[in-house]
């Protein structure tokens, strides 16, 4: 079964500061099992951040662990400033198996202003 990878665009609330980017990586999220380790990445979109966050929830009486691998960038265009987030969330084993492919997508991702 294919692993969905989402790309979303968010309005900037704090000039796209690193702290604001980290929030999109689930840093400080009370639902994560432990604070994610944030890494700097350099991609076609420029400097960004990435992290893997693990969370747990209960489903049908069993504890389920999820992993979220996310990349975020502060993206500036001629008339806009936003945060772009690329992310996938699923069973940790599936995320780890797909991590290289997700990374390859993240480092080659480009945005078109005319689209």
PDB file of N, CA and C in Angstrom:
ATOM      1  N   UNK A   1       0.843  -1.172   0.000  1.00  0.00           N
ATOM      2  CA  UNK A   1       0.000   0.000   0.000  1.00  0.00           C
ATOM      3  C   UNK A   1       0.896   1.247   0.000  1.00  0.00           C
ATOM      4  N   UNK A   2       0.627   2.221  -0.873  1.00  0.00           N
ATOM      5  CA  UNK A   2       1.439   3.445  -0.917  1.00  0.00           C
ATOM      6  C   UNK A   2       1.326   4.233   0.382  1.00  0.00           C
ATOM      7  N   UNK A   3       2.395   4.921   0.702  1.00  0.00           N
ATOM      8  CA  UNK A   3       2.430   5.769   1.891  1.00  0.00           C
ATOM      9  C   UNK A   3       2.116   7.201   1.464  1.00  0.00           C
ATOM     10  N   UNK A   4       1.037   7.787   1.979  1.00  0.00           N
ATOM     11  CA  UNK A   4       0.727   9.171   1.600  1.00  0.00           C
ATOM     12  C   UNK A   4       1.747  10.150   2.168  1.00  0.00           C
ATOM     13  N   UNK A   5       2.183  11.066   1.321  1.00  0.00           N
ATOM     14  CA  UNK A   5       3.057  12.158   1.727  1.00  0.00           C
ATOM     15  C   UNK A   5       2.311  13.442   1.390  1.00  0.00           C
ATOM     16  N   UNK A   6       2.125  14.288   2.371  1.00  0.00           N
ATOM     17  CA  UNK A   6       1.348  15.507   2.195  1.00  0.00           C
ATOM     18  C   UNK A   6       2.261  16.722   2.113  1.00  0.00           C
ATOM     19  N   UNK A   7       1.801  17.706   1.353  1.00  0.00           N
ATOM     20  CA  UNK A   7       2.478  18.990   1.294  1.00  0.00           C
ATOM     21  C   UNK A   7       1.428  20.046   1.605  1.00  0.00           C
ATOM     22  N   UNK A   8       1.740  20.905   2.566  1.00  0.00           N
ATOM     23  CA  UNK A   8       0.779  21.939   2.949  1.00  0.00           C
ATOM     24  C   UNK A   8       1.493  23.280   3.063  1.00  0.00           C
ATOM     25  N   UNK A   9       0.729  24.324   2.882  1.00  0.00           N
ATOM     26  CA  UNK A   9       1.229  25.685   2.954  1.00  0.00           C
ATOM     27  C   UNK A   9       0.511  26.389   4.096  1.00  0.00           C
ATOM     28  N   UNK A  10       1.258  27.108   4.926  1.00  0.00           N
ATOM     29  CA  UNK A  10       0.687  27.748   6.113  1.00  0.00           C
ATOM     30  C   UNK A  10       1.078  29.215   6.167  1.00  0.00           C
ATOM     31  N   UNK A  11       0.168  30.034   6.639  1.00  0.00           N
ATOM     32  CA  UNK A  11       0.469  31.444   6.842  1.00  0.00           C
ATOM     33  C   UNK A  11       1.501  31.596   7.957  1.00  0.00           C
ATOM     34  N   UNK A  12       2.374  32.560   7.797  1.00  0.00           N
ATOM     35  CA  UNK A  12       3.395  32.863   8.797  1.00  0.00           C
ATOM     36  C   UNK A  12       2.767  33.709   9.899  1.00  0.00           C
ATOM     37  N   UNK A  13       3.055  33.371  11.139  1.00  0.00           N
ATOM     38  CA  UNK A  13       2.552  34.143  12.266  1.00  0.00           C
ATOM     39  C   UNK A  13       3.667  34.881  12.995  1.00  0.00           C
ATOM     40  N   UNK A  14       4.908  34.382  12.886  1.00  0.00           N
ATOM     41  CA  UNK A  14       6.028  34.951  13.641  1.00  0.00           C
ATOM     42  C   UNK A  14       7.240  35.132  12.718  1.00  0.00           C
ATOM     43  N   UNK A  15       7.025  35.709  11.554  1.00  0.00           N
ATOM     44  CA  UNK A  15       8.085  35.929  10.558  1.00  0.00           C
ATOM     45  C   UNK A  15       8.768  34.644  10.104  1.00  0.00           C
ATOM     46  N   UNK A  16       8.153  33.491  10.339  1.00  0.00           N
ATOM     47  CA  UNK A  16       8.745  32.231   9.918  1.00  0.00           C
ATOM     48  C   UNK A  16      10.022  31.906  10.674  1.00  0.00           C
ATOM     49  N   UNK A  17      10.070  32.306  11.926  1.00  0.00           N
ATOM     50  CA  UNK A  17      11.248  32.054  12.756  1.00  0.00           C
ATOM     51  C   UNK A  17      11.486  30.553  12.902  1.00  0.00           C
ATOM     52  N   UNK A  18      12.699  30.191  13.323  1.00  0.00           N
ATOM     53  CA  UNK A  18      12.996  28.776  13.551  1.00  0.00           C
ATOM     54  C   UNK A  18      12.048  28.177  14.585  1.00  0.00           C
ATOM     55  N   UNK A  19      11.676  28.953  15.604  1.00  0.00           N
ATOM     56  CA  UNK A  19      10.738  28.436  16.602  1.00  0.00           C
ATOM     57  C   UNK A  19       9.388  28.117  15.967  1.00  0.00           C
ATOM     58  N   UNK A  20       8.952  28.971  15.055  1.00  0.00           N
ATOM     59  CA  UNK A  20       7.692  28.708  14.368  1.00  0.00           C
ATOM     60  C   UNK A  20       7.803  27.472  13.479  1.00  0.00           C
ATOM     61  N   UNK A  21       8.926  27.328  12.780  1.00  0.00           N
ATOM     62  CA  UNK A  21       9.142  26.128  11.965  1.00  0.00           C
ATOM     63  C   UNK A  21       9.164  24.881  12.838  1.00  0.00           C
ATOM     64  N   UNK A  22       9.826  24.961  13.984  1.00  0.00           N
ATOM     65  CA  UNK A  22       9.925  23.803  14.890  1.00  0.00           C
ATOM     66  C   UNK A  22       8.542  23.344  15.369  1.00  0.00           C
ATOM     67  N   UNK A  23       7.634  24.267  15.539  1.00  0.00           N
ATOM     68  CA  UNK A  23       6.280  23.895  15.970  1.00  0.00           C
ATOM     69  C   UNK A  23       5.624  22.975  14.932  1.00  0.00           C
ATOM     70  N   UNK A  24       5.902  23.201  13.657  1.00  0.00           N
ATOM     71  CA  UNK A  24       5.357  22.336  12.609  1.00  0.00           C
ATOM     72  C   UNK A  24       6.044  20.968  12.570  1.00  0.00           C
ATOM     73  N   UNK A  25       7.163  20.852  13.301  1.00  0.00           N
ATOM     74  CA  UNK A  25       7.854  19.555  13.433  1.00  0.00           C
ATOM     75  C   UNK A  25       7.452  18.847  14.726  1.00  0.00           C
ATOM     76  N   UNK A  26       6.495  19.398  15.430  1.00  0.00           N
ATOM     77  CA  UNK A  26       5.936  18.864  16.668  1.00  0.00           C
ATOM     78  C   UNK A  26       6.845  19.065  17.876  1.00  0.00           C
ATOM     79  N   UNK A  27       7.781  19.988  17.786  1.00  0.00           N
ATOM     80  CA  UNK A  27       8.597  20.340  18.947  1.00  0.00           C
ATOM     81  C   UNK A  27       7.679  21.028  19.950  1.00  0.00           C
ATOM     82  N   UNK A  28       7.724  20.588  21.185  1.00  0.00           N
ATOM     83  CA  UNK A  28       6.869  21.147  22.225  1.00  0.00           C
ATOM     84  C   UNK A  28       5.462  20.580  22.248  1.00  0.00           C
ATOM     85  N   UNK A  29       5.161  19.646  21.373  1.00  0.00           N
ATOM     86  CA  UNK A  29       3.831  19.025  21.317  1.00  0.00           C
ATOM     87  C   UNK A  29       3.692  18.039  22.482  1.00  0.00           C
ATOM     88  N   UNK A  30       2.707  18.226  23.341  1.00  0.00           N
ATOM     89  CA  UNK A  30       2.571  17.331  24.490  1.00  0.00           C
ATOM     90  C   UNK A  30       2.187  15.896  24.110  1.00  0.00           C
ATOM     91  N   UNK A  31       1.784  15.670  22.868  1.00  0.00           N
ATOM     92  CA  UNK A  31       1.392  14.322  22.450  1.00  0.00           C
ATOM     93  C   UNK A  31       2.547  13.473  21.938  1.00  0.00           C
ATOM     94  N   UNK A  32       3.738  14.059  21.773  1.00  0.00           N
ATOM     95  CA  UNK A  32       4.874  13.254  21.325  1.00  0.00           C
ATOM     96  C   UNK A  32       5.490  12.522  22.503  1.00  0.00           C
ATOM     97  N   UNK A  33       6.048  11.366  22.219  1.00  0.00           N
ATOM     98  CA  UNK A  33       6.640  10.528  23.264  1.00  0.00           C
ATOM     99  C   UNK A  33       7.905  11.167  23.816  1.00  0.00           C
ATOM    100  N   UNK A  34       8.738  11.724  22.932  1.00  0.00           N
ATOM    101  CA  UNK A  34       9.929  12.459  23.336  1.00  0.00           C
ATOM    102  C   UNK A  34      10.146  13.584  22.334  1.00  0.00           C
ATOM    103  N   UNK A  35      10.862  14.608  22.761  1.00  0.00           N
ATOM    104  CA  UNK A  35      11.107  15.742  21.873  1.00  0.00           C
ATOM    105  C   UNK A  35      11.837  15.256  20.617  1.00  0.00           C
ATOM    106  N   UNK A  36      11.353  15.668  19.452  1.00  0.00           N
ATOM    107  CA  UNK A  36      12.048  15.269  18.229  1.00  0.00           C
ATOM    108  C   UNK A  36      13.402  15.974  18.101  1.00  0.00           C
ATOM    109  N   UNK A  37      14.336  15.291  17.469  1.00  0.00           N
ATOM    110  CA  UNK A  37      15.639  15.882  17.159  1.00  0.00           C
ATOM    111  C   UNK A  37      15.486  16.600  15.822  1.00  0.00           C
ATOM    112  N   UNK A  38      15.777  17.871  15.816  1.00  0.00           N
ATOM    113  CA  UNK A  38      15.604  18.697  14.619  1.00  0.00           C
ATOM    114  C   UNK A  38      16.949  18.823  13.916  1.00  0.00           C
ATOM    115  N   UNK A  39      16.926  18.616  12.597  1.00  0.00           N
ATOM    116  CA  UNK A  39      18.131  18.722  11.781  1.00  0.00           C
ATOM    117  C   UNK A  39      17.917  19.776  10.701  1.00  0.00           C
ATOM    118  N   UNK A  40      18.971  20.494  10.374  1.00  0.00           N
ATOM    119  CA  UNK A  40      18.920  21.449   9.279  1.00  0.00           C
ATOM    120  C   UNK A  40      19.159  20.697   7.971  1.00  0.00           C
ATOM    121  N   UNK A  41      18.398  21.050   6.935  1.00  0.00           N
ATOM    122  CA  UNK A  41      18.578  20.453   5.605  1.00  0.00           C
ATOM    123  C   UNK A  41      18.673  21.583   4.582  1.00  0.00           C
ATOM    124  N   UNK A  42      19.404  21.312   3.518  1.00  0.00           N
ATOM    125  CA  UNK A  42      19.527  22.266   2.416  1.00  0.00           C
ATOM    126  C   UNK A  42      18.967  21.593   1.173  1.00  0.00           C
ATOM    127  N   UNK A  43      17.963  22.227   0.592  1.00  0.00           N
ATOM    128  CA  UNK A  43      17.211  21.628  -0.502  1.00  0.00           C
ATOM    129  C   UNK A  43      17.019  22.646  -1.619  1.00  0.00           C
ATOM    130  N   UNK A  44      16.295  22.226  -2.661  1.00  0.00           N
ATOM    131  CA  UNK A  44      15.976  23.142  -3.756  1.00  0.00           C
ATOM    132  C   UNK A  44      15.168  24.340  -3.260  1.00  0.00           C
ATOM    133  N   UNK A  45      14.424  24.181  -2.169  1.00  0.00           N
ATOM    134  CA  UNK A  45      13.661  25.295  -1.583  1.00  0.00           C
ATOM    135  C   UNK A  45      14.516  26.172  -0.677  1.00  0.00           C
ATOM    136  N   UNK A  46      15.751  25.766  -0.455  1.00  0.00           N
ATOM    137  CA  UNK A  46      16.635  26.514   0.436  1.00  0.00           C
ATOM    138  C   UNK A  46      16.805  25.792   1.765  1.00  0.00           C
ATOM    139  N   UNK A  47      17.184  26.559   2.778  1.00  0.00           N
ATOM    140  CA  UNK A  47      17.395  25.997   4.112  1.00  0.00           C
ATOM    141  C   UNK A  47      16.052  25.620   4.728  1.00  0.00           C
ATOM    142  N   UNK A  48      16.009  24.408   5.272  1.00  0.00           N
ATOM    143  CA  UNK A  48      14.812  23.946   5.954  1.00  0.00           C
ATOM    144  C   UNK A  48      15.190  23.146   7.186  1.00  0.00           C
ATOM    145  N   UNK A  49      14.181  22.628   7.848  1.00  0.00           N
ATOM    146  CA  UNK A  49      14.388  21.790   9.025  1.00  0.00           C
ATOM    147  C   UNK A  49      13.614  20.494   8.847  1.00  0.00           C
ATOM    148  N   UNK A  50      14.117  19.433   9.454  1.00  0.00           N
ATOM    149  CA  UNK A  50      13.394  18.161   9.420  1.00  0.00           C
ATOM    150  C   UNK A  50      13.487  17.501  10.786  1.00  0.00           C
ATOM    151  N   UNK A  51      12.487  16.658  11.068  1.00  0.00           N
ATOM    152  CA  UNK A  51      12.488  15.916  12.329  1.00  0.00           C
ATOM    153  C   UNK A  51      11.562  14.715  12.211  1.00  0.00           C
ATOM    154  N   UNK A  52      11.836  13.733  13.047  1.00  0.00           N
ATOM    155  CA  UNK A  52      10.965  12.564  13.201  1.00  0.00           C
ATOM    156  C   UNK A  52      10.385  12.650  14.604  1.00  0.00           C
ATOM    157  N   UNK A  53       9.058  12.591  14.687  1.00  0.00           N
ATOM    158  CA  UNK A  53       8.380  12.646  15.987  1.00  0.00           C
ATOM    159  C   UNK A  53       7.551  11.382  16.163  1.00  0.00           C
ATOM    160  N   UNK A  54       7.558  10.845  17.366  1.00  0.00           N
ATOM    161  CA  UNK A  54       6.783   9.646  17.678  1.00  0.00           C
ATOM    162  C   UNK A  54       5.673  10.013  18.659  1.00  0.00           C
ATOM    163  N   UNK A  55       4.489   9.504  18.397  1.00  0.00           N
ATOM    164  CA  UNK A  55       3.358   9.743  19.295  1.00  0.00           C
ATOM    165  C   UNK A  55       2.620   8.430  19.499  1.00  0.00           C
ATOM    166  N   UNK A  56       1.796   8.407  20.525  1.00  0.00           N
ATOM    167  CA  UNK A  56       1.022   7.194  20.797  1.00  0.00           C
ATOM    168  C   UNK A  56      -0.421   7.560  21.073  1.00  0.00           C
ATOM    169  N   UNK A  57      -1.295   6.613  20.746  1.00  0.00           N
ATOM    170  CA  UNK A  57      -2.714   6.776  21.035  1.00  0.00           C
ATOM    171  C   UNK A  57      -3.297   5.390  21.244  1.00  0.00           C
ATOM    172  N   UNK A  58      -4.494   5.352  21.754  1.00  0.00           N
ATOM    173  CA  UNK A  58      -5.154   4.076  22.007  1.00  0.00           C
ATOM    174  C   UNK A  58      -6.181   3.822  20.918  1.00  0.00           C
ATOM    175  N   UNK A  59      -6.152   2.602  20.382  1.00  0.00           N
ATOM    176  CA  UNK A  59      -7.097   2.203  19.347  1.00  0.00           C
ATOM    177  C   UNK A  59      -7.592   0.798  19.669  1.00  0.00           C
ATOM    178  N   UNK A  60      -8.866   0.672  19.893  1.00  0.00           N
ATOM    179  CA  UNK A  60      -9.493  -0.610  20.224  1.00  0.00           C
ATOM    180  C   UNK A  60      -8.789  -1.293  21.398  1.00  0.00           C
ATOM    181  N   UNK A  61      -8.484  -0.491  22.423  1.00  0.00           N
ATOM    182  CA  UNK A  61      -7.891  -1.030  23.644  1.00  0.00           C
ATOM    183  C   UNK A  61      -6.400  -1.311  23.554  1.00  0.00           C
ATOM    184  N   UNK A  62      -5.748  -0.979  22.437  1.00  0.00           N
ATOM    185  CA  UNK A  62      -4.313  -1.214  22.289  1.00  0.00           C
ATOM    186  C   UNK A  62      -3.606   0.120  22.066  1.00  0.00           C
ATOM    187  N   UNK A  63      -2.384   0.195  22.582  1.00  0.00           N
ATOM    188  CA  UNK A  63      -1.564   1.385  22.365  1.00  0.00           C
ATOM    189  C   UNK A  63      -0.914   1.271  20.991  1.00  0.00           C
ATOM    190  N   UNK A  64      -1.070   2.311  20.191  1.00  0.00           N
ATOM    191  CA  UNK A  64      -0.513   2.350  18.842  1.00  0.00           C
ATOM    192  C   UNK A  64       0.517   3.480  18.792  1.00  0.00           C
ATOM    193  N   UNK A  65       1.671   3.194  18.209  1.00  0.00           N
ATOM    194  CA  UNK A  65       2.729   4.189  18.046  1.00  0.00           C
ATOM    195  C   UNK A  65       2.730   4.652  16.591  1.00  0.00           C
ATOM    196  N   UNK A  66       2.774   5.953  16.396  1.00  0.00           N
ATOM    197  CA  UNK A  66       2.875   6.548  15.066  1.00  0.00           C
ATOM    198  C   UNK A  66       4.165   7.341  14.976  1.00  0.00           C
ATOM    199  N   UNK A  67       4.699   7.428  13.764  1.00  0.00           N
ATOM    200  CA  UNK A  67       5.855   8.277  13.499  1.00  0.00           C
ATOM    201  C   UNK A  67       5.451   9.319  12.472  1.00  0.00           C
ATOM    202  N   UNK A  68       5.934  10.532  12.665  1.00  0.00           N
ATOM    203  CA  UNK A  68       5.728  11.610  11.704  1.00  0.00           C
ATOM    204  C   UNK A  68       7.101  12.111  11.272  1.00  0.00           C
ATOM    205  N   UNK A  69       7.392  11.985   9.984  1.00  0.00           N
ATOM    206  CA  UNK A  69       8.612  12.548   9.410  1.00  0.00           C
ATOM    207  C   UNK A  69       8.193  13.814   8.684  1.00  0.00           C
ATOM    208  N   UNK A  70       8.759  14.950   9.078  1.00  0.00           N
ATOM    209  CA  UNK A  70       8.336  16.226   8.504  1.00  0.00           C
ATOM    210  C   UNK A  70       9.526  17.081   8.121  1.00  0.00           C
ATOM    211  N   UNK A  71       9.333  17.850   7.062  1.00  0.00           N
ATOM    212  CA  UNK A  71      10.271  18.857   6.584  1.00  0.00           C
ATOM    213  C   UNK A  71       9.514  20.175   6.527  1.00  0.00           C
ATOM    214  N   UNK A  72      10.156  21.261   6.910  1.00  0.00           N
ATOM    215  CA  UNK A  72       9.512  22.578   6.834  1.00  0.00           C
ATOM    216  C   UNK A  72      10.502  23.614   6.298  1.00  0.00           C
ATOM    217  N   UNK A  73       9.933  24.577   5.569  1.00  0.00           N
ATOM    218  CA  UNK A  73      10.718  25.666   4.997  1.00  0.00           C
ATOM    219  C   UNK A  73       9.976  26.978   5.167  1.00  0.00           C
ATOM    220  N   UNK A  74      10.723  28.029   5.309  1.00  0.00           N
ATOM    221  CA  UNK A  74      10.197  29.397   5.225  1.00  0.00           C
ATOM    222  C   UNK A  74      10.346  29.777   3.759  1.00  0.00           C
ATOM    223  N   UNK A  75       9.224  30.003   3.088  1.00  0.00           N
ATOM    224  CA  UNK A  75       9.233  30.255   1.645  1.00  0.00           C
ATOM    225  C   UNK A  75       8.777  31.680   1.367  1.00  0.00           C
ATOM    226  N   UNK A  76       9.645  32.407   0.685  1.00  0.00           N
ATOM    227  CA  UNK A  76       9.349  33.793   0.349  1.00  0.00           C
ATOM    228  C   UNK A  76       9.192  33.908  -1.162  1.00  0.00           C
ATOM    229  N   UNK A  77       8.061  34.456  -1.591  1.00  0.00           N
ATOM    230  CA  UNK A  77       7.829  34.733  -3.000  1.00  0.00           C
ATOM    231  C   UNK A  77       7.744  36.249  -3.170  1.00  0.00           C
ATOM    232  N   UNK A  78       7.462  36.697  -4.377  1.00  0.00           N
ATOM    233  CA  UNK A  78       7.406  38.139  -4.633  1.00  0.00           C
ATOM    234  C   UNK A  78       6.443  38.873  -3.704  1.00  0.00           C
ATOM    235  N   UNK A  79       5.308  38.255  -3.423  1.00  0.00           N
ATOM    236  CA  UNK A  79       4.288  38.954  -2.633  1.00  0.00           C
ATOM    237  C   UNK A  79       3.775  38.163  -1.437  1.00  0.00           C
ATOM    238  N   UNK A  80       4.532  37.161  -0.999  1.00  0.00           N
ATOM    239  CA  UNK A  80       4.028  36.331   0.088  1.00  0.00           C
ATOM    240  C   UNK A  80       5.181  35.716   0.878  1.00  0.00           C
ATOM    241  N   UNK A  81       4.909  35.426   2.129  1.00  0.00           N
ATOM    242  CA  UNK A  81       5.820  34.698   2.999  1.00  0.00           C
ATOM    243  C   UNK A  81       4.987  33.611   3.662  1.00  0.00           C
ATOM    244  N   UNK A  82       5.424  32.380   3.541  1.00  0.00           N
ATOM    245  CA  UNK A  82       4.641  31.284   4.107  1.00  0.00           C
ATOM    246  C   UNK A  82       5.575  30.182   4.605  1.00  0.00           C
ATOM    247  N   UNK A  83       4.967  29.197   5.221  1.00  0.00           N
ATOM    248  CA  UNK A  83       5.688  28.010   5.661  1.00  0.00           C
ATOM    249  C   UNK A  83       5.162  26.839   4.856  1.00  0.00           C
ATOM    250  N   UNK A  84       6.076  26.109   4.241  1.00  0.00           N
ATOM    251  CA  UNK A  84       5.707  24.911   3.490  1.00  0.00           C
ATOM    252  C   UNK A  84       6.135  23.703   4.305  1.00  0.00           C
ATOM    253  N   UNK A  85       5.225  22.760   4.426  1.00  0.00           N
ATOM    254  CA  UNK A  85       5.485  21.549   5.215  1.00  0.00           C
ATOM    255  C   UNK A  85       5.239  20.324   4.345  1.00  0.00           C
ATOM    256  N   UNK A  86       6.212  19.427   4.303  1.00  0.00           N
ATOM    257  CA  UNK A  86       6.077  18.130   3.651  1.00  0.00           C
ATOM    258  C   UNK A  86       6.140  17.103   4.769  1.00  0.00           C
ATOM    259  N   UNK A  87       5.158  16.191   4.835  1.00  0.00           N
ATOM    260  CA  UNK A  87       5.146  15.262   5.956  1.00  0.00           C
ATOM    261  C   UNK A  87       4.416  13.966   5.625  1.00  0.00           C
ATOM    262  N   UNK A  88       4.798  12.944   6.362  1.00  0.00           N
ATOM    263  CA  UNK A  88       4.141  11.640   6.282  1.00  0.00           C
ATOM    264  C   UNK A  88       4.004  11.111   7.702  1.00  0.00           C
ATOM    265  N   UNK A  89       2.873  10.464   7.978  1.00  0.00           N
ATOM    266  CA  UNK A  89       2.628   9.899   9.300  1.00  0.00           C
ATOM    267  C   UNK A  89       2.062   8.494   9.135  1.00  0.00           C
ATOM    268  N   UNK A  90       2.650   7.538   9.835  1.00  0.00           N
ATOM    269  CA  UNK A  90       2.194   6.150   9.751  1.00  0.00           C
ATOM    270  C   UNK A  90       2.935   5.345  10.814  1.00  0.00           C
ATOM    271  N   UNK A  91       2.823   4.040  10.701  1.00  0.00           N
ATOM    272  CA  UNK A  91       3.567   3.120  11.548  1.00  0.00           C
ATOM    273  C   UNK A  91       5.067   3.427  11.402  1.00  0.00           C
ATOM    274  N   UNK A  92       5.819   3.453  12.498  1.00  0.00           N
ATOM    275  CA  UNK A  92       7.245   3.788  12.410  1.00  0.00           C
ATOM    276  C   UNK A  92       8.025   2.934  11.406  1.00  0.00           C
ATOM    277  N   UNK A  93       7.719   1.657  11.304  1.00  0.00           N
ATOM    278  CA  UNK A  93       8.426   0.791  10.361  1.00  0.00           C
ATOM    279  C   UNK A  93       8.222   1.265   8.925  1.00  0.00           C
ATOM    280  N   UNK A  94       6.989   1.628   8.573  1.00  0.00           N
ATOM    281  CA  UNK A  94       6.712   2.111   7.218  1.00  0.00           C
ATOM    282  C   UNK A  94       7.405   3.440   6.950  1.00  0.00           C
ATOM    283  N   UNK A  95       7.401   4.331   7.942  1.00  0.00           N
ATOM    284  CA  UNK A  95       8.060   5.629   7.775  1.00  0.00           C
ATOM    285  C   UNK A  95       9.560   5.430   7.595  1.00  0.00           C
ATOM    286  N   UNK A  96      10.167   4.588   8.418  1.00  0.00           N
ATOM    287  CA  UNK A  96      11.607   4.352   8.303  1.00  0.00           C
ATOM    288  C   UNK A  96      11.976   3.732   6.957  1.00  0.00           C
ATOM    289  N   UNK A  97      11.157   2.815   6.464  1.00  0.00           N
ATOM    290  CA  UNK A  97      11.417   2.203   5.156  1.00  0.00           C
ATOM    291  C   UNK A  97      11.310   3.220   4.024  1.00  0.00           C
ATOM    292  N   UNK A  98      10.438   4.194   4.179  1.00  0.00           N
ATOM    293  CA  UNK A  98      10.215   5.203   3.133  1.00  0.00           C
ATOM    294  C   UNK A  98      11.047   6.462   3.333  1.00  0.00           C
ATOM    295  N   UNK A  99      11.812   6.546   4.410  1.00  0.00           N
ATOM    296  CA  UNK A  99      12.515   7.786   4.762  1.00  0.00           C
ATOM    297  C   UNK A  99      13.430   8.291   3.648  1.00  0.00           C
ATOM    298  N   UNK A 100      14.161   7.401   2.977  1.00  0.00           N
ATOM    299  CA  UNK A 100      15.052   7.843   1.902  1.00  0.00           C
ATOM    300  C   UNK A 100      14.258   8.426   0.738  1.00  0.00           C
ATOM    301  N   UNK A 101      13.156   7.783   0.386  1.00  0.00           N
ATOM    302  CA  UNK A 101      12.322   8.293  -0.707  1.00  0.00           C
ATOM    303  C   UNK A 101      11.691   9.639  -0.340  1.00  0.00           C
ATOM    304  N   UNK A 102      11.244   9.765   0.909  1.00  0.00           N
ATOM    305  CA  UNK A 102      10.668  11.027   1.368  1.00  0.00           C
ATOM    306  C   UNK A 102      11.738  12.116   1.343  1.00  0.00           C
ATOM    307  N   UNK A 103      12.944  11.772   1.770  1.00  0.00           N
ATOM    308  CA  UNK A 103      14.044  12.736   1.749  1.00  0.00           C
ATOM    309  C   UNK A 103      14.351  13.177   0.314  1.00  0.00           C
ATOM    310  N   UNK A 104      14.412  12.223  -0.603  1.00  0.00           N
ATOM    311  CA  UNK A 104      14.677  12.565  -2.004  1.00  0.00           C
ATOM    312  C   UNK A 104      13.608  13.493  -2.563  1.00  0.00           C
ATOM    313  N   UNK A 105      12.356  13.267  -2.192  1.00  0.00           N
ATOM    314  CA  UNK A 105      11.283  14.167  -2.604  1.00  0.00           C
ATOM    315  C   UNK A 105      11.500  15.556  -1.994  1.00  0.00           C
ATOM    316  N   UNK A 106      11.822  15.594  -0.711  1.00  0.00           N
ATOM    317  CA  UNK A 106      11.992  16.872  -0.013  1.00  0.00           C
ATOM    318  C   UNK A 106      13.127  17.702  -0.606  1.00  0.00           C
ATOM    319  N   UNK A 107      14.246  17.072  -0.929  1.00  0.00           N
ATOM    320  CA  UNK A 107      15.396  17.858  -1.404  1.00  0.00           C
ATOM    321  C   UNK A 107      15.218  18.320  -2.849  1.00  0.00           C
ATOM    322  N   UNK A 108      14.300  17.725  -3.577  1.00  0.00           N
ATOM    323  CA  UNK A 108      14.083  18.132  -4.971  1.00  0.00           C
ATOM    324  C   UNK A 108      12.793  18.924  -5.158  1.00  0.00           C
ATOM    325  N   UNK A 109      12.013  19.095  -4.104  1.00  0.00           N
ATOM    326  CA  UNK A 109      10.747  19.814  -4.187  1.00  0.00           C
ATOM    327  C   UNK A 109      10.973  21.260  -4.616  1.00  0.00           C
ATOM    328  N   UNK A 110      10.172  21.697  -5.584  1.00  0.00           N
ATOM    329  CA  UNK A 110      10.224  23.074  -6.056  1.00  0.00           C
ATOM    330  C   UNK A 110       8.809  23.619  -6.096  1.00  0.00           C
ATOM    331  N   UNK A 111       8.670  24.910  -5.917  1.00  0.00           N
ATOM    332  CA  UNK A 111       7.367  25.543  -5.993  1.00  0.00           C
ATOM    333  C   UNK A 111       7.320  26.441  -7.213  1.00  0.00           C
ATOM    334  N   UNK A 112       6.185  26.463  -7.862  1.00  0.00           N
ATOM    335  CA  UNK A 112       5.972  27.333  -9.016  1.00  0.00           C
ATOM    336  C   UNK A 112       5.024  28.442  -8.642  1.00  0.00           C
ATOM    337  N   UNK A 113       5.424  29.660  -8.865  1.00  0.00           N
ATOM    338  CA  UNK A 113       4.564  30.802  -8.530  1.00  0.00           C
ATOM    339  C   UNK A 113       3.451  30.978  -9.546  1.00  0.00           C
ATOM    340  N   UNK A 114       3.624  30.472 -10.763  1.00  0.00           N
ATOM    341  CA  UNK A 114       2.629  30.677 -11.811  1.00  0.00           C
ATOM    342  C   UNK A 114       1.567  29.596 -11.842  1.00  0.00           C
ATOM    343  N   UNK A 115       1.654  28.632 -10.947  1.00  0.00           N
ATOM    344  CA  UNK A 115       0.680  27.524 -10.959  1.00  0.00           C
ATOM    345  C   UNK A 115      -0.537  27.847 -10.108  1.00  0.00           C
TER     346      UNK A 115
END
